[in-house]
Amino acid sequence: MKKIGVIGGMSFESTAIYYRMINEEVRGQLGGLTSADMLIHSVNFAEIVALQKAGDWAEAAERLAKSAANLEKAGADCILIATNTMHKVADEVARHIHIPLINIIDVTAEALKAKHARKPLLLATRYTMEDGFYAERMARHGLSLVTPDHLGRIIMHDVIFNELCAGHVSEASRKRVIEIIQKAKDAGADSVILGCTEICMLIDPSMSPLPAFDSTAIHAAAAVDFALAGLRAEMTEAA
């Protein structure tokens, strides 16, 4: 089994979900008491949020790159940035390491294409919805991303930072987000990306008016696929 390196803490709520999902998938595939071989560096989210608000993405990239390099030195075979928003600096982080960085946008795009979705609604922080990096990378995969209107983007951003990142789940917010999804469906969206790693705390795909793609679950599964690929080959040969 290869060792998964996770840059977490952004927020720690979603990092805990990553830890659970990865280990559940490993146990499900290998059985017994098997768990994942993981290294996690949990950063101080308050410091990262301050850099986001200041627009100092260069410093944010430097901090995450240092984290990734340290995880590599500690023995990680791949890196996950356990947050969608900070994939704004993913390419810069990847340049500082010699192991794969599994990009959440790429693996989510592949999951969408596998289900023939082409016009997904993105629910995420305002940085992710408005800064262009997510839409541009999705376009490389032939996907035309749509986002909520201005008010919808404000609602999503506030729910994420003021509620979900603090561990609060509100039924009123759940209803508002479902309304945002329904509005996008009426406007022609064919799917929805839960594009902030905390949104799965609020919206289960079964609740969504559109086929929902949970980026956290997709990213975690991709990490397990990477970690177990060699082991599966060995098991096949042994059989």
C-alpha atoms as a PDB file:
ATOM      1  CA  MET A   1       0.000   0.000   0.000  1.00  0.00           C
ATOM      2  CA  LYS A   2       1.312   3.436  -0.920  1.00  0.00           C
ATOM      3  CA  LYS A   3       1.322   6.217   1.653  1.00  0.00           C
ATOM      4  CA  ILE A   4      -1.184   9.063   1.197  1.00  0.00           C
ATOM      5  CA  GLY A   5      -0.052  12.545   2.245  1.00  0.00           C
ATOM      6  CA  VAL A   6      -2.825  14.985   3.109  1.00  0.00           C
ATOM      7  CA  ILE A   7      -2.538  18.744   3.561  1.00  0.00           C
ATOM      8  CA  GLY A   8      -5.520  19.301   5.834  1.00  0.00           C
ATOM      9  CA  GLY A   9      -7.041  21.648   8.357  1.00  0.00           C
ATOM     10  CA  MET A  10      -8.849  23.772   5.740  1.00  0.00           C
ATOM     11  CA  SER A  11     -11.182  23.216   7.558  1.00  0.00           C
ATOM     12  CA  PHE A  12     -10.523  20.427  10.018  1.00  0.00           C
ATOM     13  CA  GLU A  13     -14.177  19.444   9.594  1.00  0.00           C
ATOM     14  CA  SER A  14     -13.592  18.345   6.025  1.00  0.00           C
ATOM     15  CA  THR A  15     -10.224  16.787   6.862  1.00  0.00           C
ATOM     16  CA  ALA A  16     -11.963  14.524   9.352  1.00  0.00           C
ATOM     17  CA  ILE A  17     -14.347  13.513   6.562  1.00  0.00           C
ATOM     18  CA  TYR A  18     -11.401  12.723   4.283  1.00  0.00           C
ATOM     19  CA  TYR A  19      -9.833  10.558   6.989  1.00  0.00           C
ATOM     20  CA  ARG A  20     -13.058   8.610   7.478  1.00  0.00           C
ATOM     21  CA  MET A  21     -13.818   8.206   3.773  1.00  0.00           C
ATOM     22  CA  ILE A  22     -10.323   7.050   2.856  1.00  0.00           C
ATOM     23  CA  ASN A  23     -10.186   4.511   5.660  1.00  0.00           C
ATOM     24  CA  GLU A  24     -13.689   3.220   4.998  1.00  0.00           C
ATOM     25  CA  GLU A  25     -12.811   2.685   1.340  1.00  0.00           C
ATOM     26  CA  VAL A  26      -9.559   0.885   2.179  1.00  0.00           C
ATOM     27  CA  ARG A  27     -11.306  -1.351   4.697  1.00  0.00           C
ATOM     28  CA  GLY A  28     -14.116  -1.993   2.249  1.00  0.00           C
ATOM     29  CA  GLN A  29     -11.684  -3.121  -0.428  1.00  0.00           C
ATOM     30  CA  LEU A  30      -9.215  -5.088   1.704  1.00  0.00           C
ATOM     31  CA  GLY A  31     -11.440  -6.183   4.585  1.00  0.00           C
ATOM     32  CA  GLY A  32     -10.744  -6.963   8.213  1.00  0.00           C
ATOM     33  CA  LEU A  33      -9.131  -4.241  10.290  1.00  0.00           C
ATOM     34  CA  THR A  34      -7.145  -2.813   7.391  1.00  0.00           C
ATOM     35  CA  SER A  35      -6.755   0.970   7.369  1.00  0.00           C
ATOM     36  CA  ALA A  36      -4.953   3.445   5.154  1.00  0.00           C
ATOM     37  CA  ASP A  37      -1.279   4.350   5.405  1.00  0.00           C
ATOM     38  CA  MET A  38      -1.578   8.130   5.763  1.00  0.00           C
ATOM     39  CA  LEU A  39       0.320  11.224   6.786  1.00  0.00           C
ATOM     40  CA  ILE A  40      -1.655  14.390   7.581  1.00  0.00           C
ATOM     41  CA  HIS A  41      -0.333  17.890   8.100  1.00  0.00           C
ATOM     42  CA  SER A  42      -3.142  19.993   9.516  1.00  0.00           C
ATOM     43  CA  VAL A  43      -2.456  23.702   9.000  1.00  0.00           C
ATOM     44  CA  ASN A  44      -3.936  26.596  10.970  1.00  0.00           C
ATOM     45  CA  PHE A  45      -6.979  27.498   8.868  1.00  0.00           C
ATOM     46  CA  ALA A  46      -7.289  30.963  10.415  1.00  0.00           C
ATOM     47  CA  GLU A  47      -3.920  31.884   8.915  1.00  0.00           C
ATOM     48  CA  ILE A  48      -4.890  30.545   5.490  1.00  0.00           C
ATOM     49  CA  VAL A  49      -8.228  32.395   5.554  1.00  0.00           C
ATOM     50  CA  ALA A  50      -6.385  35.623   6.405  1.00  0.00           C
ATOM     51  CA  LEU A  51      -4.177  35.130   3.341  1.00  0.00           C
ATOM     52  CA  GLN A  52      -7.250  34.437   1.170  1.00  0.00           C
ATOM     53  CA  LYS A  53      -8.951  37.623   2.335  1.00  0.00           C
ATOM     54  CA  ALA A  54      -5.765  39.608   1.727  1.00  0.00           C
ATOM     55  CA  GLY A  55      -5.400  38.119  -1.745  1.00  0.00           C
ATOM     56  CA  ASP A  56      -1.924  36.881  -0.830  1.00  0.00           C
ATOM     57  CA  TRP A  57      -2.124  33.658  -2.804  1.00  0.00           C
ATOM     58  CA  ALA A  58       1.644  33.613  -3.291  1.00  0.00           C
ATOM     59  CA  GLU A  59       2.220  33.248   0.453  1.00  0.00           C
ATOM     60  CA  ALA A  60      -0.562  30.693   0.684  1.00  0.00           C
ATOM     61  CA  ALA A  61       1.053  28.696  -2.124  1.00  0.00           C
ATOM     62  CA  GLU A  62       4.429  28.862  -0.382  1.00  0.00           C
ATOM     63  CA  ARG A  63       2.960  27.519   2.856  1.00  0.00           C
ATOM     64  CA  LEU A  64       1.179  24.641   1.165  1.00  0.00           C
ATOM     65  CA  ALA A  65       4.228  23.841  -0.959  1.00  0.00           C
ATOM     66  CA  LYS A  66       6.332  23.604   2.208  1.00  0.00           C
ATOM     67  CA  SER A  67       3.725  21.301   3.729  1.00  0.00           C
ATOM     68  CA  ALA A  68       3.718  19.091   0.631  1.00  0.00           C
ATOM     69  CA  ALA A  69       7.518  18.925   0.547  1.00  0.00           C
ATOM     70  CA  ASN A  70       7.621  17.941   4.215  1.00  0.00           C
ATOM     71  CA  LEU A  71       5.042  15.211   3.647  1.00  0.00           C
ATOM     72  CA  GLU A  72       7.137  13.909   0.761  1.00  0.00           C
ATOM     73  CA  LYS A  73      10.251  13.871   2.963  1.00  0.00           C
ATOM     74  CA  ALA A  74       8.280  11.960   5.584  1.00  0.00           C
ATOM     75  CA  GLY A  75       7.512   9.224   3.065  1.00  0.00           C
ATOM     76  CA  ALA A  76       4.270  10.194   1.310  1.00  0.00           C
ATOM     77  CA  ASP A  77       3.819   8.710  -2.166  1.00  0.00           C
ATOM     78  CA  CYS A  78       1.147  11.203  -3.245  1.00  0.00           C
ATOM     79  CA  ILE A  79      -0.304  14.491  -2.038  1.00  0.00           C
ATOM     80  CA  LEU A  80      -3.892  15.606  -1.518  1.00  0.00           C
ATOM     81  CA  ILE A  81      -4.810  19.220  -0.840  1.00  0.00           C
ATOM     82  CA  ALA A  82      -7.938  18.554   1.206  1.00  0.00           C
ATOM     83  CA  THR A  83      -9.851  21.630   0.046  1.00  0.00           C
ATOM     84  CA  ASN A  84     -11.195  22.847  -3.291  1.00  0.00           C
ATOM     85  CA  THR A  85     -10.386  26.535  -2.861  1.00  0.00           C
ATOM     86  CA  MET A  86      -6.683  26.016  -2.307  1.00  0.00           C
ATOM     87  CA  HIS A  87      -6.438  24.167  -5.600  1.00  0.00           C
ATOM     88  CA  LYS A  88      -6.082  27.696  -6.937  1.00  0.00           C
ATOM     89  CA  VAL A  89      -2.398  27.197  -6.056  1.00  0.00           C
ATOM     90  CA  ALA A  90      -2.217  23.448  -6.770  1.00  0.00           C
ATOM     91  CA  ASP A  91       0.075  23.752  -9.783  1.00  0.00           C
ATOM     92  CA  GLU A  92       2.535  25.844  -7.770  1.00  0.00           C
ATOM     93  CA  VAL A  93       2.487  23.270  -4.954  1.00  0.00           C
ATOM     94  CA  ALA A  94       3.036  20.442  -7.449  1.00  0.00           C
ATOM     95  CA  ARG A  95       6.176  22.146  -8.762  1.00  0.00           C
ATOM     96  CA  HIS A  96       7.807  21.785  -5.348  1.00  0.00           C
ATOM     97  CA  ILE A  97       7.427  18.019  -5.049  1.00  0.00           C
ATOM     98  CA  HIS A  98       8.507  14.928  -6.955  1.00  0.00           C
ATOM     99  CA  ILE A  99       5.444  12.799  -6.249  1.00  0.00           C
ATOM    100  CA  PRO A 100       1.948  13.065  -7.773  1.00  0.00           C
ATOM    101  CA  LEU A 101      -0.467  15.699  -6.535  1.00  0.00           C
ATOM    102  CA  ILE A 102      -3.950  14.287  -7.086  1.00  0.00           C
ATOM    103  CA  ASN A 103      -5.940  17.289  -8.279  1.00  0.00           C
ATOM    104  CA  ILE A 104      -9.530  17.410  -7.032  1.00  0.00           C
ATOM    105  CA  ILE A 105     -10.712  19.302 -10.131  1.00  0.00           C
ATOM    106  CA  ASP A 106      -9.325  16.720 -12.549  1.00  0.00           C
ATOM    107  CA  VAL A 107     -10.753  13.684 -10.762  1.00  0.00           C
ATOM    108  CA  THR A 108     -14.129  15.401 -10.339  1.00  0.00           C
ATOM    109  CA  ALA A 109     -14.163  16.237 -14.039  1.00  0.00           C
ATOM    110  CA  GLU A 110     -13.466  12.606 -14.907  1.00  0.00           C
ATOM    111  CA  ALA A 111     -16.356  11.498 -12.680  1.00  0.00           C
ATOM    112  CA  LEU A 112     -18.686  13.951 -14.433  1.00  0.00           C
ATOM    113  CA  LYS A 113     -17.632  12.792 -17.890  1.00  0.00           C
ATOM    114  CA  ALA A 114     -18.126   9.152 -16.900  1.00  0.00           C
ATOM    115  CA  LYS A 115     -21.791  10.000 -16.257  1.00  0.00           C
ATOM    116  CA  HIS A 116     -22.065  12.103 -19.442  1.00  0.00           C
ATOM    117  CA  ALA A 117     -22.584  15.350 -17.525  1.00  0.00           C
ATOM    118  CA  ARG A 118     -21.455  18.384 -19.491  1.00  0.00           C
ATOM    119  CA  LYS A 119     -22.927  21.497 -17.828  1.00  0.00           C
ATOM    120  CA  PRO A 120     -22.432  21.258 -14.064  1.00  0.00           C
ATOM    121  CA  LEU A 121     -23.410  23.832 -11.468  1.00  0.00           C
ATOM    122  CA  LEU A 122     -20.527  24.582  -9.117  1.00  0.00           C
ATOM    123  CA  LEU A 123     -21.340  25.159  -5.432  1.00  0.00           C
ATOM    124  CA  ALA A 124     -18.272  26.402  -3.588  1.00  0.00           C
ATOM    125  CA  THR A 125     -16.651  29.378  -1.910  1.00  0.00           C
ATOM    126  CA  ARG A 126     -16.712  32.670  -3.785  1.00  0.00           C
ATOM    127  CA  TYR A 127     -12.977  32.275  -4.485  1.00  0.00           C
ATOM    128  CA  THR A 128     -13.623  28.956  -6.220  1.00  0.00           C
ATOM    129  CA  MET A 129     -16.741  30.124  -8.045  1.00  0.00           C
ATOM    130  CA  GLU A 130     -15.439  33.534  -9.144  1.00  0.00           C
ATOM    131  CA  ASP A 131     -11.649  33.379  -9.557  1.00  0.00           C
ATOM    132  CA  GLY A 132     -11.740  31.360 -12.779  1.00  0.00           C
ATOM    133  CA  PHE A 133      -9.224  28.640 -11.951  1.00  0.00           C
ATOM    134  CA  TYR A 134     -11.878  25.960 -11.446  1.00  0.00           C
ATOM    135  CA  ALA A 135     -13.831  26.822 -14.603  1.00  0.00           C
ATOM    136  CA  GLU A 136     -10.640  27.021 -16.673  1.00  0.00           C
ATOM    137  CA  ARG A 137      -9.460  23.577 -15.560  1.00  0.00           C
ATOM    138  CA  MET A 138     -12.921  22.098 -16.096  1.00  0.00           C
ATOM    139  CA  ALA A 139     -12.911  23.571 -19.616  1.00  0.00           C
ATOM    140  CA  ARG A 140      -9.777  21.545 -20.374  1.00  0.00           C
ATOM    141  CA  HIS A 141     -11.988  18.499 -19.842  1.00  0.00           C
ATOM    142  CA  GLY A 142     -14.678  19.847 -22.158  1.00  0.00           C
ATOM    143  CA  LEU A 143     -17.040  20.843 -19.354  1.00  0.00           C
ATOM    144  CA  SER A 144     -18.988  24.136 -19.292  1.00  0.00           C
ATOM    145  CA  LEU A 145     -19.216  25.195 -15.665  1.00  0.00           C
ATOM    146  CA  VAL A 146     -22.046  27.378 -14.382  1.00  0.00           C
ATOM    147  CA  THR A 147     -22.319  29.129 -11.036  1.00  0.00           C
ATOM    148  CA  PRO A 148     -25.204  30.558  -8.991  1.00  0.00           C
ATOM    149  CA  ASP A 149     -26.217  34.176  -9.479  1.00  0.00           C
ATOM    150  CA  HIS A 150     -24.633  36.891  -7.329  1.00  0.00           C
ATOM    151  CA  LEU A 151     -26.960  36.344  -4.377  1.00  0.00           C
ATOM    152  CA  GLY A 152     -26.563  32.590  -4.640  1.00  0.00           C
ATOM    153  CA  ARG A 153     -22.786  32.907  -4.524  1.00  0.00           C
ATOM    154  CA  ILE A 154     -23.009  35.083  -1.423  1.00  0.00           C
ATOM    155  CA  ILE A 155     -25.309  32.552   0.254  1.00  0.00           C
ATOM    156  CA  MET A 156     -22.989  29.637  -0.545  1.00  0.00           C
ATOM    157  CA  HIS A 157     -19.870  31.470   0.656  1.00  0.00           C
ATOM    158  CA  ASP A 158     -21.514  32.503   3.912  1.00  0.00           C
ATOM    159  CA  VAL A 159     -22.929  29.035   4.601  1.00  0.00           C
ATOM    160  CA  ILE A 160     -19.501  27.476   4.047  1.00  0.00           C
ATOM    161  CA  PHE A 161     -17.421  29.848   6.166  1.00  0.00           C
ATOM    162  CA  ASN A 162     -19.901  30.898   8.836  1.00  0.00           C
ATOM    163  CA  GLU A 163     -21.600  27.533   9.346  1.00  0.00           C
ATOM    164  CA  LEU A 164     -19.993  24.423   7.866  1.00  0.00           C
ATOM    165  CA  CYS A 165     -16.367  25.313   8.623  1.00  0.00           C
ATOM    166  CA  ALA A 166     -17.479  25.896  12.204  1.00  0.00           C
ATOM    167  CA  GLY A 167     -19.241  22.542  12.355  1.00  0.00           C
ATOM    168  CA  HIS A 168     -22.787  23.924  12.177  1.00  0.00           C
ATOM    169  CA  VAL A 169     -25.406  22.366   9.894  1.00  0.00           C
ATOM    170  CA  SER A 170     -28.613  24.359   9.426  1.00  0.00           C
ATOM    171  CA  GLU A 171     -31.850  23.001   7.987  1.00  0.00           C
ATOM    172  CA  ALA A 172     -32.702  26.498   6.761  1.00  0.00           C
ATOM    173  CA  SER A 173     -29.405  26.678   4.865  1.00  0.00           C
ATOM    174  CA  ARG A 174     -29.978  23.214   3.428  1.00  0.00           C
ATOM    175  CA  LYS A 175     -33.306  24.383   1.968  1.00  0.00           C
ATOM    176  CA  ARG A 176     -31.714  27.519   0.514  1.00  0.00           C
ATOM    177  CA  VAL A 177     -28.960  25.513  -1.165  1.00  0.00           C
ATOM    178  CA  ILE A 178     -31.469  23.038  -2.613  1.00  0.00           C
ATOM    179  CA  GLU A 179     -33.372  26.024  -4.016  1.00  0.00           C
ATOM    180  CA  ILE A 180     -30.151  27.245  -5.662  1.00  0.00           C
ATOM    181  CA  ILE A 181     -29.693  23.832  -7.277  1.00  0.00           C
ATOM    182  CA  GLN A 182     -33.299  23.775  -8.490  1.00  0.00           C
ATOM    183  CA  LYS A 183     -32.910  27.234 -10.019  1.00  0.00           C
ATOM    184  CA  ALA A 184     -29.820  26.066 -11.922  1.00  0.00           C
ATOM    185  CA  LYS A 185     -31.654  22.974 -13.117  1.00  0.00           C
ATOM    186  CA  ASP A 186     -34.469  25.143 -14.442  1.00  0.00           C
ATOM    187  CA  ALA A 187     -31.838  27.219 -16.280  1.00  0.00           C
ATOM    188  CA  GLY A 188     -30.303  24.166 -17.978  1.00  0.00           C
ATOM    189  CA  ALA A 189     -27.608  22.759 -15.673  1.00  0.00           C
ATOM    190  CA  ASP A 190     -27.398  18.975 -15.944  1.00  0.00           C
ATOM    191  CA  SER A 191     -25.532  18.214 -12.711  1.00  0.00           C
ATOM    192  CA  VAL A 192     -24.082  19.838  -9.599  1.00  0.00           C
ATOM    193  CA  ILE A 193     -20.595  19.719  -8.126  1.00  0.00           C
ATOM    194  CA  LEU A 194     -20.422  19.886  -4.328  1.00  0.00           C
ATOM    195  CA  GLY A 195     -17.251  21.874  -4.837  1.00  0.00           C
ATOM    196  CA  CYS A 196     -16.339  22.727  -1.295  1.00  0.00           C
ATOM    197  CA  THR A 197     -15.146  19.858   0.826  1.00  0.00           C
ATOM    198  CA  GLU A 198     -17.586  20.730   3.645  1.00  0.00           C
ATOM    199  CA  ILE A 199     -20.765  20.831   1.532  1.00  0.00           C
ATOM    200  CA  CYS A 200     -21.285  17.089   1.956  1.00  0.00           C
ATOM    201  CA  MET A 201     -22.067  17.899   5.594  1.00  0.00           C
ATOM    202  CA  LEU A 202     -25.126  19.816   4.372  1.00  0.00           C
ATOM    203  CA  ILE A 203     -26.268  18.138   1.161  1.00  0.00           C
ATOM    204  CA  ASP A 204     -26.473  14.422   0.535  1.00  0.00           C
ATOM    205  CA  PRO A 205     -26.551  13.659  -3.204  1.00  0.00           C
ATOM    206  CA  SER A 206     -29.931  11.959  -2.722  1.00  0.00           C
ATOM    207  CA  MET A 207     -31.420  15.343  -1.702  1.00  0.00           C
ATOM    208  CA  SER A 208     -30.311  17.157  -4.835  1.00  0.00           C
ATOM    209  CA  PRO A 209     -32.674  18.078  -7.696  1.00  0.00           C
ATOM    210  CA  LEU A 210     -29.700  17.420 -10.013  1.00  0.00           C
ATOM    211  CA  PRO A 211     -27.249  14.486 -10.136  1.00  0.00           C
ATOM    212  CA  ALA A 212     -24.716  15.490  -7.484  1.00  0.00           C
ATOM    213  CA  PHE A 213     -20.976  14.885  -7.532  1.00  0.00           C
ATOM    214  CA  ASP A 214     -19.374  15.102  -4.088  1.00  0.00           C
ATOM    215  CA  SER A 215     -15.833  16.328  -4.747  1.00  0.00           C
ATOM    216  CA  THR A 216     -14.661  15.180  -1.317  1.00  0.00           C
ATOM    217  CA  ALA A 217     -15.792  11.595  -1.871  1.00  0.00           C
ATOM    218  CA  ILE A 218     -14.404  11.564  -5.419  1.00  0.00           C
ATOM    219  CA  HIS A 219     -11.034  12.920  -4.259  1.00  0.00           C
ATOM    220  CA  ALA A 220     -10.802  10.438  -1.384  1.00  0.00           C
ATOM    221  CA  ALA A 221     -11.639   7.534  -3.697  1.00  0.00           C
ATOM    222  CA  ALA A 222      -8.968   8.661  -6.179  1.00  0.00           C
ATOM    223  CA  ALA A 223      -6.388   8.657  -3.396  1.00  0.00           C
ATOM    224  CA  VAL A 224      -7.341   5.107  -2.431  1.00  0.00           C
ATOM    225  CA  ASP A 225      -7.157   3.995  -6.066  1.00  0.00           C
ATOM    226  CA  PHE A 226      -3.618   5.372  -6.213  1.00  0.00           C
ATOM    227  CA  ALA A 227      -2.605   3.836  -2.900  1.00  0.00           C
ATOM    228  CA  LEU A 228      -3.918   0.360  -3.680  1.00  0.00           C
ATOM    229  CA  ALA A 229      -3.082   0.068  -7.391  1.00  0.00           C
ATOM    230  CA  GLY A 230       0.215  -1.765  -6.848  1.00  0.00           C
ATOM    231  CA  LEU A 231      -1.203  -3.895  -4.082  1.00  0.00           C
ATOM    232  CA  ARG A 232      -4.089  -5.022  -6.265  1.00  0.00           C
ATOM    233  CA  ALA A 233      -1.633  -6.005  -9.004  1.00  0.00           C
ATOM    234  CA  GLU A 234       0.371  -8.080  -6.537  1.00  0.00           C
ATOM    235  CA  MET A 235      -2.771  -9.772  -5.251  1.00  0.00           C
ATOM    236  CA  THR A 236      -3.860 -10.561  -8.836  1.00  0.00           C
ATOM    237  CA  GLU A 237      -0.481 -12.093  -9.645  1.00  0.00           C
ATOM    238  CA  ALA A 238      -0.511 -14.143  -6.456  1.00  0.00           C
ATOM    239  CA  ALA A 239      -3.959 -15.495  -7.269  1.00  0.00           C
END
